[in-house]
Amino acid sequence: MPSRIISINMGTAKEMHQLLLKFMRYSSVSQHLIDTRLELKM
């Protein structure tokens, strides 16, 4: 069901994904952890 919610609200999902990446960078999360999350996956 989560993938259906994401597909219905793809714009919001993309925006939230970018905010997550921004937060991770701001929080000095290790780059290898960020790299594994660069692509939004459903």
Protein backbone atom coordinates (compact mmCIF):
# COMPACT_ATOMS: atom_id res chain seq x y z
CA MET A 1 0.00 0.00 0.00
CA PRO A 2 2.78 2.56 0.67
CA SER A 3 3.88 2.46 -2.99
CA ARG A 4 0.31 3.28 -4.03
CA ILE A 5 0.27 6.28 -1.68
CA ILE A 6 3.60 7.42 -3.12
CA SER A 7 2.44 6.99 -6.72
CA ILE A 8 -0.72 8.98 -6.04
CA ASN A 9 1.29 11.76 -4.38
CA MET A 10 4.51 11.58 -6.40
CA GLY A 11 5.20 15.32 -6.15
CA THR A 12 4.96 15.25 -2.36
CA ALA A 13 7.07 12.08 -2.19
CA LYS A 14 9.83 13.69 -4.29
CA GLU A 15 9.74 16.84 -2.16
CA MET A 16 9.95 14.84 1.09
CA HIS A 17 12.79 12.75 -0.34
CA GLN A 18 14.77 15.91 -1.16
CA LEU A 19 14.11 17.25 2.34
CA LEU A 20 15.37 13.99 3.83
CA LEU A 21 18.60 14.23 1.82
CA LYS A 22 19.02 17.87 2.83
CA PHE A 23 18.51 16.98 6.49
CA MET A 24 20.99 14.12 6.27
CA ARG A 25 23.63 16.42 4.77
CA TYR A 26 22.91 19.11 7.37
CA SER A 27 23.22 16.51 10.13
CA SER A 28 26.62 15.39 8.82
CA VAL A 29 25.46 11.85 8.09
CA SER A 30 28.19 9.78 6.48
CA GLN A 31 28.21 10.20 2.70
CA HIS A 32 27.99 6.46 2.03
CA LEU A 33 24.64 6.40 3.84
CA ILE A 34 23.39 9.35 1.81
CA ASP A 35 24.59 7.71 -1.42
CA THR A 36 22.36 4.69 -0.81
CA ARG A 37 19.33 7.00 -0.60
CA LEU A 38 19.94 9.28 -3.58
CA GLU A 39 17.30 7.53 -5.66
CA LEU A 40 13.65 7.61 -4.62
CA LYS A 41 12.51 3.99 -4.69
CA MET A 42 9.01 2.66 -4.47
